[in-house]
Structures are given as structure tokens and as C-alpha cells.
C-alpha atoms as a PDB file:
ATOM      1  CA  GLU A   1      40.061  57.759  -5.413  1.00  0.00           C
ATOM      2  CA  ASP A   2      38.294  57.482  -8.690  1.00  0.00           C
ATOM      3  CA  ARG A   3      36.331  54.042  -8.863  1.00  0.00           C
ATOM      4  CA  SER A   4      34.756  54.508 -12.203  1.00  0.00           C
ATOM      5  CA  ASP A   5      36.861  52.280 -13.794  1.00  0.00           C
ATOM      6  CA  PHE A   6      35.490  49.229 -11.698  1.00  0.00           C
ATOM      7  CA  PRO A   7      32.994  47.161 -13.375  1.00  0.00           C
ATOM      8  CA  GLU A   8      30.410  47.199 -10.663  1.00  0.00           C
ATOM      9  CA  ASN A   9      29.650  50.896 -11.356  1.00  0.00           C
ATOM     10  CA  GLU A  10      28.848  50.314 -15.209  1.00  0.00           C
ATOM     11  CA  PRO A  11      25.460  50.347 -16.035  1.00  0.00           C
ATOM     12  CA  ARG A  12      25.720  46.950 -17.886  1.00  0.00           C
ATOM     13  CA  TYR A  13      26.966  45.348 -15.178  1.00  0.00           C
ATOM     14  CA  GLN A  14      24.176  46.791 -12.731  1.00  0.00           C
ATOM     15  CA  THR A  15      21.732  45.032 -15.141  1.00  0.00           C
ATOM     16  CA  LEU A  16      23.376  42.002 -15.538  1.00  0.00           C
ATOM     17  CA  GLN A  17      23.720  41.462 -11.635  1.00  0.00           C
ATOM     18  CA  LYS A  18      20.203  42.249 -11.241  1.00  0.00           C
ATOM     19  CA  ARG A  19      19.023  39.650 -14.016  1.00  0.00           C
ATOM     20  CA  LEU A  20      21.223  37.033 -12.154  1.00  0.00           C
ATOM     21  CA  ASP A  21      19.794  37.819  -8.899  1.00  0.00           C
ATOM     22  CA  LYS A  22      16.394  37.262 -10.120  1.00  0.00           C
ATOM     23  CA  ALA A  23      17.480  34.022 -12.178  1.00  0.00           C
ATOM     24  CA  GLU A  24      18.742  32.637  -8.809  1.00  0.00           C
ATOM     25  CA  GLU A  25      15.692  33.497  -6.948  1.00  0.00           C
ATOM     26  CA  ARG A  26      13.648  31.678  -9.583  1.00  0.00           C
ATOM     27  CA  LEU A  27      15.554  28.792  -9.554  1.00  0.00           C
ATOM     28  CA  ALA A  28      15.479  28.400  -5.773  1.00  0.00           C
ATOM     29  CA  GLU A  29      11.799  28.869  -6.209  1.00  0.00           C
ATOM     30  CA  ALA A  30      11.522  26.258  -8.987  1.00  0.00           C
ATOM     31  CA  LYS A  31      13.656  23.824  -6.763  1.00  0.00           C
ATOM     32  CA  ALA A  32      11.304  24.572  -3.964  1.00  0.00           C
ATOM     33  CA  GLU A  33       8.062  23.667  -5.893  1.00  0.00           C
ATOM     34  CA  LEU A  34       9.923  20.659  -7.505  1.00  0.00           C
ATOM     35  CA  GLY A  35      10.470  19.484  -3.908  1.00  0.00           C
ATOM     36  CA  LYS A  36       6.912  19.853  -2.955  1.00  0.00           C
ATOM     37  CA  ALA A  37       5.465  18.047  -5.968  1.00  0.00           C
ATOM     38  CA  LYS A  38       8.039  14.950  -5.494  1.00  0.00           C
ATOM     39  CA  ALA A  39       6.889  15.023  -1.889  1.00  0.00           C
ATOM     40  CA  GLU A  40       3.314  14.905  -3.188  1.00  0.00           C
ATOM     41  CA  ARG A  41       4.010  12.412  -5.608  1.00  0.00           C
ATOM     42  CA  ASP A  42       5.590  10.151  -2.869  1.00  0.00           C
ATOM     43  CA  MET A  43       2.444  10.363  -0.863  1.00  0.00           C
ATOM     44  CA  ALA A  44       0.186   9.644  -3.676  1.00  0.00           C
ATOM     45  CA  VAL A  45       2.211   6.545  -4.472  1.00  0.00           C
ATOM     46  CA  ALA A  46       2.523   5.542  -1.020  1.00  0.00           C
ATOM     47  CA  GLU A  47      -1.307   5.999  -0.705  1.00  0.00           C
ATOM     48  CA  ALA A  48      -1.682   3.827  -3.603  1.00  0.00           C
ATOM     49  CA  LYS A  49       0.312   1.243  -2.772  1.00  0.00           C
ATOM     50  CA  ALA A  50      -1.503   1.270   0.868  1.00  0.00           C
ATOM     51  CA  GLU A  51      -4.712   1.077  -0.849  1.00  0.00           C
ATOM     52  CA  ARG A  52      -3.439  -1.835  -3.200  1.00  0.00           C
ATOM     53  CA  ASP A  53      -2.529  -3.879  -0.032  1.00  0.00           C
ATOM     54  CA  LYS A  54      -5.584  -3.276   1.725  1.00  0.00           C
ATOM     55  CA  ALA A  55      -7.188  -4.862  -1.388  1.00  0.00           C
ATOM     56  CA  VAL A  56      -4.862  -7.512  -1.708  1.00  0.00           C
ATOM     57  CA  ALA A  57      -5.664  -8.381   1.970  1.00  0.00           C
ATOM     58  CA  GLU A  58      -9.459  -8.311   1.916  1.00  0.00           C
ATOM     59  CA  THR A  59      -8.825 -10.586  -1.250  1.00  0.00           C
ATOM     60  CA  LYS A  60      -6.654 -13.089   0.717  1.00  0.00           C
ATOM     61  CA  ALA A  61      -9.119 -12.935   3.667  1.00  0.00           C
ATOM     62  CA  GLU A  62     -12.241 -13.589   1.506  1.00  0.00           C
ATOM     63  CA  MET A  63     -10.298 -16.563  -0.098  1.00  0.00           C
ATOM     64  CA  GLU A  64      -9.649 -17.709   3.056  1.00  0.00           C
ATOM     65  CA  LYS A  65     -13.232 -17.342   4.263  1.00  0.00           C
ATOM     66  CA  ALA A  66     -14.730 -19.052   1.506  1.00  0.00           C
ATOM     67  CA  LYS A  67     -12.213 -21.896   2.120  1.00  0.00           C
ATOM     68  CA  ALA A  68     -13.435 -22.416   5.579  1.00  0.00           C
ATOM     69  CA  GLU A  69     -16.677 -22.374   4.538  1.00  0.00           C
ATOM     70  CA  ARG A  70     -16.171 -25.094   1.906  1.00  0.00           C
ATOM     71  CA  ASP A  71     -14.286 -27.029   4.345  1.00  0.00           C
ATOM     72  CA  ILE A  72     -17.054 -26.763   6.892  1.00  0.00           C
ATOM     73  CA  ASP A  73     -19.533 -27.790   4.502  1.00  0.00           C
ATOM     74  CA  THR A  74     -17.301 -30.756   3.148  1.00  0.00           C
ATOM     75  CA  ILE A  75     -16.885 -31.999   6.882  1.00  0.00           C
ATOM     76  CA  ARG A  76     -20.764 -31.614   7.790  1.00  0.00           C
ATOM     77  CA  GLN A  77     -21.328 -33.891   4.161  1.00  0.00           C
ATOM     78  CA  GLN A  78     -18.973 -36.453   5.701  1.00  0.00           C
ATOM     79  CA  ILE A  79     -20.265 -36.540   9.071  1.00  0.00           C
ATOM     80  CA  ASP A  80     -23.795 -36.892   7.919  1.00  0.00           C
ATOM     81  CA  GLU A  81     -22.928 -39.822   5.482  1.00  0.00           C
ATOM     82  CA  PHE A  82     -21.248 -41.301   8.098  1.00  0.00           C
ATOM     83  CA  GLU A  83     -23.930 -41.439  10.382  1.00  0.00           C
ATOM     84  CA  LYS A  84     -26.472 -42.560   7.762  1.00  0.00           C
ATOM     85  CA  THR A  85     -24.122 -45.593   6.608  1.00  0.00           C
ATOM     86  CA  SER A  86     -23.098 -46.679  10.076  1.00  0.00           C
ATOM     87  CA  ASP A  87     -25.235 -47.645  13.155  1.00  0.00           C
ATOM     88  CA  PHE A  88     -22.381 -47.373  15.445  1.00  0.00           C
ATOM     89  CA  ALA A  89     -21.406 -43.754  14.162  1.00  0.00           C
ATOM     90  CA  LYS A  90     -21.187 -42.384  17.389  1.00  0.00           C
ATOM     91  CA  THR A  91     -18.638 -45.105  18.999  1.00  0.00           C
ATOM     92  CA  GLU A  92     -16.647 -44.804  15.718  1.00  0.00           C
ATOM     93  CA  PRO A  93     -12.900 -42.978  16.000  1.00  0.00           C
ATOM     94  CA  LEU A  94     -13.790 -41.449  12.271  1.00  0.00           C
ATOM     95  CA  TYR A  95     -17.008 -39.891  13.367  1.00  0.00           C
ATOM     96  CA  HIS A  96     -15.279 -37.986  16.439  1.00  0.00           C
ATOM     97  CA  ALA A  97     -12.359 -37.324  14.324  1.00  0.00           C
ATOM     98  CA  LEU A  98     -14.536 -35.465  11.807  1.00  0.00           C
ATOM     99  CA  LYS A  99     -16.609 -33.777  14.783  1.00  0.00           C
ATOM    100  CA  GLU A 100     -13.322 -32.563  15.995  1.00  0.00           C
ATOM    101  CA  ARG A 101     -12.423 -31.038  12.722  1.00  0.00           C
ATOM    102  CA  LEU A 102     -15.845 -29.307  12.509  1.00  0.00           C
ATOM    103  CA  ASP A 103     -15.303 -27.839  15.803  1.00  0.00           C
ATOM    104  CA  THR A 104     -11.927 -26.254  14.947  1.00  0.00           C
ATOM    105  CA  ALA A 105     -12.758 -25.268  11.528  1.00  0.00           C
END
């Protein structure tokens, strides 16, 4: 049977089919590259967020440390003032309360 009238046998059809195959191959490669680029971007975003979270945690820790140091200094000043103004400082409940706060600060 003569199949010369089928489009698959025509050079123009074969050329178009080859172009289609190449275009589909390029599309698959582009999709793969896009997926890779998105994954890299997602990783970069996650790393940036982790760095930001670390910086925030460090800042909070520094603030808590500074607050604790201020609290300790304040309590020590209160104890010193109390000891200077009271002859019976060591028997006073306030003195013991301040000393206890200092020990737990």
C-alpha cells in the first residue's frame, strides 16, 4: 500500500515534528531550571529568616542580660543604703528580702 499521502511522510511535517520535539525538550529543561532556581531561592529565604531569628534572639538575650544587671545594681544600692541607715539592718525583714532578691537575680 502506498503511504505517500500520509503527512508523516512529508518533509515539512517531519521538520515541524523535529522542531516540536526540540521545543518540548527545551520546555522540560526550562522547567527543571525553574524548579532548581525556586529551590535555591527558598533555601536563601530560609537562611535569611534563620539569621534574622538568631539576631532577634541575640538582641533579646542582650536586653535581658542588661536588665538583670541593672536589677542587681539597683538591689545592691538598696541594700547598701539600708545598711547605712539602719543600726539593726541585719535583723530587719526588708534587709533579708533584698538579700534574697539579690541571690535570685
